[in-house]
Amino acid sequence: MAVPKRKTSKKVKNQRRTHKKLHAPGMVICENCGEYSKPHHVCKSCGQYNGKQVVEQ
């Protein structure tokens, strides 16, 4: 059975966990209404995508 030879230091433990954090989602401004929305998604406030009305609001 594998057993660690010595205690993992706080520095090594924290360096291993540096990529485990939340990132802010990338947002773009809608060309029609000016609200923020996810890129390549239909705007939730006006229902347009790529300059065309896709969803009726």
PDB file of N, CA and C in Angstrom:
ATOM      1  N   MET A   1       0.840  -1.179   0.000  1.00  0.00           N
ATOM      2  CA  MET A   1       0.000   0.000   0.000  1.00  0.00           C
ATOM      3  C   MET A   1       0.885   1.243   0.000  1.00  0.00           C
ATOM      4  N   ALA A   2       0.577   2.200  -0.858  1.00  0.00           N
ATOM      5  CA  ALA A   2       1.386   3.406  -0.962  1.00  0.00           C
ATOM      6  C   ALA A   2       1.081   4.350   0.191  1.00  0.00           C
ATOM      7  N   VAL A   3       2.151   4.784   0.872  1.00  0.00           N
ATOM      8  CA  VAL A   3       2.036   5.694   2.004  1.00  0.00           C
ATOM      9  C   VAL A   3       2.999   6.844   1.749  1.00  0.00           C
ATOM     10  N   PRO A   4       2.577   8.108   1.951  1.00  0.00           N
ATOM     11  CA  PRO A   4       3.494   9.213   1.743  1.00  0.00           C
ATOM     12  C   PRO A   4       4.678   9.155   2.713  1.00  0.00           C
ATOM     13  N   LYS A   5       5.858   9.475   2.206  1.00  0.00           N
ATOM     14  CA  LYS A   5       7.062   9.408   3.025  1.00  0.00           C
ATOM     15  C   LYS A   5       7.113  10.545   4.033  1.00  0.00           C
ATOM     16  N   ARG A   6       6.617  11.747   3.625  1.00  0.00           N
ATOM     17  CA  ARG A   6       6.581  12.875   4.549  1.00  0.00           C
ATOM     18  C   ARG A   6       5.363  13.744   4.265  1.00  0.00           C
ATOM     19  N   LYS A   7       5.056  14.635   5.204  1.00  0.00           N
ATOM     20  CA  LYS A   7       3.879  15.488   5.104  1.00  0.00           C
ATOM     21  C   LYS A   7       3.996  16.437   3.913  1.00  0.00           C
ATOM     22  N   THR A   8       2.891  16.633   3.192  1.00  0.00           N
ATOM     23  CA  THR A   8       2.854  17.594   2.099  1.00  0.00           C
ATOM     24  C   THR A   8       2.775  18.995   2.698  1.00  0.00           C
ATOM     25  N   SER A   9       3.712  19.869   2.306  1.00  0.00           N
ATOM     26  CA  SER A   9       3.744  21.225   2.856  1.00  0.00           C
ATOM     27  C   SER A   9       2.581  22.055   2.314  1.00  0.00           C
ATOM     28  N   LYS A  10       2.299  23.158   3.001  1.00  0.00           N
ATOM     29  CA  LYS A  10       1.216  24.048   2.567  1.00  0.00           C
ATOM     30  C   LYS A  10       1.514  24.638   1.197  1.00  0.00           C
ATOM     31  N   LYS A  11       2.785  24.961   0.957  1.00  0.00           N
ATOM     32  CA  LYS A  11       3.176  25.544  -0.327  1.00  0.00           C
ATOM     33  C   LYS A  11       2.912  24.576  -1.475  1.00  0.00           C
ATOM     34  N   VAL A  12       3.317  23.344  -1.325  1.00  0.00           N
ATOM     35  CA  VAL A  12       3.130  22.350  -2.380  1.00  0.00           C
ATOM     36  C   VAL A  12       1.652  22.070  -2.583  1.00  0.00           C
ATOM     37  N   LYS A  13       0.912  21.990  -1.490  1.00  0.00           N
ATOM     38  CA  LYS A  13      -0.527  21.728  -1.574  1.00  0.00           C
ATOM     39  C   LYS A  13      -1.243  22.859  -2.309  1.00  0.00           C
ATOM     40  N   ASN A  14      -0.878  24.115  -1.988  1.00  0.00           N
ATOM     41  CA  ASN A  14      -1.531  25.263  -2.619  1.00  0.00           C
ATOM     42  C   ASN A  14      -1.111  25.427  -4.069  1.00  0.00           C
ATOM     43  N   GLN A  15       0.133  25.091  -4.399  1.00  0.00           N
ATOM     44  CA  GLN A  15       0.565  25.155  -5.793  1.00  0.00           C
ATOM     45  C   GLN A  15      -0.195  24.143  -6.635  1.00  0.00           C
ATOM     46  N   ARG A  16      -0.514  23.005  -6.074  1.00  0.00           N
ATOM     47  CA  ARG A  16      -1.257  21.985  -6.802  1.00  0.00           C
ATOM     48  C   ARG A  16      -2.700  22.434  -7.036  1.00  0.00           C
ATOM     49  N   ARG A  17      -3.238  23.235  -6.145  1.00  0.00           N
ATOM     50  CA  ARG A  17      -4.643  23.632  -6.221  1.00  0.00           C
ATOM     51  C   ARG A  17      -4.860  24.978  -6.914  1.00  0.00           C
ATOM     52  N   THR A  18      -3.833  25.556  -7.541  1.00  0.00           N
ATOM     53  CA  THR A  18      -3.987  26.896  -8.098  1.00  0.00           C
ATOM     54  C   THR A  18      -5.009  26.957  -9.225  1.00  0.00           C
ATOM     55  N   HIS A  19      -5.193  25.876  -9.981  1.00  0.00           N
ATOM     56  CA  HIS A  19      -6.137  25.904 -11.097  1.00  0.00           C
ATOM     57  C   HIS A  19      -7.570  25.652 -10.655  1.00  0.00           C
ATOM     58  N   LYS A  20      -7.800  25.342  -9.377  1.00  0.00           N
ATOM     59  CA  LYS A  20      -9.153  25.062  -8.887  1.00  0.00           C
ATOM     60  C   LYS A  20      -9.778  26.345  -8.350  1.00  0.00           C
ATOM     61  N   LYS A  21     -10.204  27.216  -9.245  1.00  0.00           N
ATOM     62  CA  LYS A  21     -10.841  28.454  -8.834  1.00  0.00           C
ATOM     63  C   LYS A  21     -11.899  28.841  -9.855  1.00  0.00           C
ATOM     64  N   LEU A  22     -12.775  29.721  -9.463  1.00  0.00           N
ATOM     65  CA  LEU A  22     -13.838  30.176 -10.344  1.00  0.00           C
ATOM     66  C   LEU A  22     -13.312  31.252 -11.272  1.00  0.00           C
ATOM     67  N   HIS A  23     -13.773  31.249 -12.506  1.00  0.00           N
ATOM     68  CA  HIS A  23     -13.415  32.261 -13.480  1.00  0.00           C
ATOM     69  C   HIS A  23     -14.672  33.012 -13.896  1.00  0.00           C
ATOM     70  N   ALA A  24     -14.523  34.295 -14.143  1.00  0.00           N
ATOM     71  CA  ALA A  24     -15.654  35.089 -14.615  1.00  0.00           C
ATOM     72  C   ALA A  24     -15.980  34.676 -16.046  1.00  0.00           C
ATOM     73  N   PRO A  25     -17.259  34.468 -16.366  1.00  0.00           N
ATOM     74  CA  PRO A  25     -17.603  34.073 -17.731  1.00  0.00           C
ATOM     75  C   PRO A  25     -17.377  35.224 -18.702  1.00  0.00           C
ATOM     76  N   GLY A  26     -16.966  34.886 -19.908  1.00  0.00           N
ATOM     77  CA  GLY A  26     -16.790  35.911 -20.934  1.00  0.00           C
ATOM     78  C   GLY A  26     -18.145  36.404 -21.399  1.00  0.00           C
ATOM     79  N   MET A  27     -18.333  37.706 -21.387  1.00  0.00           N
ATOM     80  CA  MET A  27     -19.609  38.277 -21.782  1.00  0.00           C
ATOM     81  C   MET A  27     -19.390  39.285 -22.909  1.00  0.00           C
ATOM     82  N   VAL A  28     -20.375  39.387 -23.808  1.00  0.00           N
ATOM     83  CA  VAL A  28     -20.343  40.361 -24.896  1.00  0.00           C
ATOM     84  C   VAL A  28     -21.602  41.220 -24.815  1.00  0.00           C
ATOM     85  N   ILE A  29     -21.545  42.383 -25.426  1.00  0.00           N
ATOM     86  CA  ILE A  29     -22.692  43.294 -25.421  1.00  0.00           C
ATOM     87  C   ILE A  29     -23.548  43.008 -26.656  1.00  0.00           C
ATOM     88  N   CYS A  30     -24.842  42.858 -26.452  1.00  0.00           N
ATOM     89  CA  CYS A  30     -25.784  42.615 -27.550  1.00  0.00           C
ATOM     90  C   CYS A  30     -25.823  43.844 -28.456  1.00  0.00           C
ATOM     91  N   GLU A  31     -25.760  43.607 -29.769  1.00  0.00           N
ATOM     92  CA  GLU A  31     -25.774  44.721 -30.724  1.00  0.00           C
ATOM     93  C   GLU A  31     -27.136  45.397 -30.796  1.00  0.00           C
ATOM     94  N   ASN A  32     -28.205  44.669 -30.454  1.00  0.00           N
ATOM     95  CA  ASN A  32     -29.557  45.212 -30.576  1.00  0.00           C
ATOM     96  C   ASN A  32     -29.960  46.012 -29.340  1.00  0.00           C
ATOM     97  N   CYS A  33     -29.845  45.415 -28.151  1.00  0.00           N
ATOM     98  CA  CYS A  33     -30.371  46.054 -26.940  1.00  0.00           C
ATOM     99  C   CYS A  33     -29.290  46.567 -26.001  1.00  0.00           C
ATOM    100  N   GLY A  34     -28.037  46.134 -26.177  1.00  0.00           N
ATOM    101  CA  GLY A  34     -26.956  46.619 -25.328  1.00  0.00           C
ATOM    102  C   GLY A  34     -26.776  45.862 -24.030  1.00  0.00           C
ATOM    103  N   GLU A  35     -27.532  44.791 -23.816  1.00  0.00           N
ATOM    104  CA  GLU A  35     -27.394  43.979 -22.605  1.00  0.00           C
ATOM    105  C   GLU A  35     -26.228  43.003 -22.768  1.00  0.00           C
ATOM    106  N   TYR A  36     -25.675  42.570 -21.643  1.00  0.00           N
ATOM    107  CA  TYR A  36     -24.622  41.566 -21.674  1.00  0.00           C
ATOM    108  C   TYR A  36     -25.215  40.180 -21.862  1.00  0.00           C
ATOM    109  N   SER A  37     -24.560  39.363 -22.690  1.00  0.00           N
ATOM    110  CA  SER A  37     -24.994  37.985 -22.897  1.00  0.00           C
ATOM    111  C   SER A  37     -23.773  37.142 -23.214  1.00  0.00           C
ATOM    112  N   LYS A  38     -23.942  35.820 -23.180  1.00  0.00           N
ATOM    113  CA  LYS A  38     -22.840  34.925 -23.502  1.00  0.00           C
ATOM    114  C   LYS A  38     -22.565  34.973 -25.000  1.00  0.00           C
ATOM    115  N   PRO A  39     -21.293  34.843 -25.400  1.00  0.00           N
ATOM    116  CA  PRO A  39     -21.007  34.833 -26.827  1.00  0.00           C
ATOM    117  C   PRO A  39     -21.575  33.578 -27.496  1.00  0.00           C
ATOM    118  N   HIS A  40     -22.051  33.721 -28.721  1.00  0.00           N
ATOM    119  CA  HIS A  40     -22.624  32.625 -29.515  1.00  0.00           C
ATOM    120  C   HIS A  40     -23.882  32.050 -28.873  1.00  0.00           C
ATOM    121  N   HIS A  41     -24.643  32.864 -28.156  1.00  0.00           N
ATOM    122  CA  HIS A  41     -25.917  32.459 -27.563  1.00  0.00           C
ATOM    123  C   HIS A  41     -26.971  33.503 -27.909  1.00  0.00           C
ATOM    124  N   VAL A  42     -28.228  33.105 -27.865  1.00  0.00           N
ATOM    125  CA  VAL A  42     -29.335  34.029 -28.091  1.00  0.00           C
ATOM    126  C   VAL A  42     -29.420  34.982 -26.902  1.00  0.00           C
ATOM    127  N   CYS A  43     -29.630  36.257 -27.173  1.00  0.00           N
ATOM    128  CA  CYS A  43     -29.759  37.257 -26.106  1.00  0.00           C
ATOM    129  C   CYS A  43     -31.045  36.980 -25.317  1.00  0.00           C
ATOM    130  N   LYS A  44     -30.933  36.943 -23.998  1.00  0.00           N
ATOM    131  CA  LYS A  44     -32.096  36.628 -23.166  1.00  0.00           C
ATOM    132  C   LYS A  44     -33.078  37.782 -23.079  1.00  0.00           C
ATOM    133  N   SER A  45     -32.606  39.011 -23.266  1.00  0.00           N
ATOM    134  CA  SER A  45     -33.514  40.141 -23.091  1.00  0.00           C
ATOM    135  C   SER A  45     -34.296  40.468 -24.362  1.00  0.00           C
ATOM    136  N   CYS A  46     -33.652  40.360 -25.547  1.00  0.00           N
ATOM    137  CA  CYS A  46     -34.366  40.729 -26.771  1.00  0.00           C
ATOM    138  C   CYS A  46     -34.632  39.547 -27.705  1.00  0.00           C
ATOM    139  N   GLY A  47     -33.956  38.410 -27.523  1.00  0.00           N
ATOM    140  CA  GLY A  47     -34.218  37.219 -28.322  1.00  0.00           C
ATOM    141  C   GLY A  47     -33.590  37.219 -29.699  1.00  0.00           C
ATOM    142  N   GLN A  48     -32.561  38.035 -29.908  1.00  0.00           N
ATOM    143  CA  GLN A  48     -31.915  38.080 -31.215  1.00  0.00           C
ATOM    144  C   GLN A  48     -30.576  37.363 -31.180  1.00  0.00           C
ATOM    145  N   TYR A  49     -30.198  36.805 -32.339  1.00  0.00           N
ATOM    146  CA  TYR A  49     -28.890  36.177 -32.507  1.00  0.00           C
ATOM    147  C   TYR A  49     -28.404  36.476 -33.907  1.00  0.00           C
ATOM    148  N   ASN A  50     -27.215  37.016 -34.017  1.00  0.00           N
ATOM    149  CA  ASN A  50     -26.586  37.327 -35.300  1.00  0.00           C
ATOM    150  C   ASN A  50     -27.453  38.287 -36.132  1.00  0.00           C
ATOM    151  N   GLY A  51     -28.106  39.228 -35.456  1.00  0.00           N
ATOM    152  CA  GLY A  51     -28.908  40.235 -36.148  1.00  0.00           C
ATOM    153  C   GLY A  51     -30.279  39.755 -36.591  1.00  0.00           C
ATOM    154  N   LYS A  52     -30.687  38.559 -36.183  1.00  0.00           N
ATOM    155  CA  LYS A  52     -31.993  38.027 -36.579  1.00  0.00           C
ATOM    156  C   LYS A  52     -32.817  37.702 -35.347  1.00  0.00           C
ATOM    157  N   GLN A  53     -34.133  37.908 -35.430  1.00  0.00           N
ATOM    158  CA  GLN A  53     -35.042  37.592 -34.332  1.00  0.00           C
ATOM    159  C   GLN A  53     -35.239  36.074 -34.297  1.00  0.00           C
ATOM    160  N   VAL A  54     -34.803  35.435 -33.220  1.00  0.00           N
ATOM    161  CA  VAL A  54     -34.864  33.984 -33.121  1.00  0.00           C
ATOM    162  C   VAL A  54     -35.957  33.557 -32.147  1.00  0.00           C
ATOM    163  N   VAL A  55     -36.072  34.257 -31.020  1.00  0.00           N
ATOM    164  CA  VAL A  55     -37.029  33.904 -29.980  1.00  0.00           C
ATOM    165  C   VAL A  55     -37.958  35.100 -29.759  1.00  0.00           C
ATOM    166  N   GLU A  56     -39.250  34.846 -29.750  1.00  0.00           N
ATOM    167  CA  GLU A  56     -40.223  35.908 -29.469  1.00  0.00           C
ATOM    168  C   GLU A  56     -40.215  36.219 -27.981  1.00  0.00           C
ATOM    169  N   GLN A  57     -40.180  37.495 -27.654  1.00  0.00           N
ATOM    170  CA  GLN A  57     -40.180  37.904 -26.253  1.00  0.00           C
ATOM    171  C   GLN A  57     -41.519  38.483 -25.861  1.00  0.00           C
TER     172      GLN A  57
END
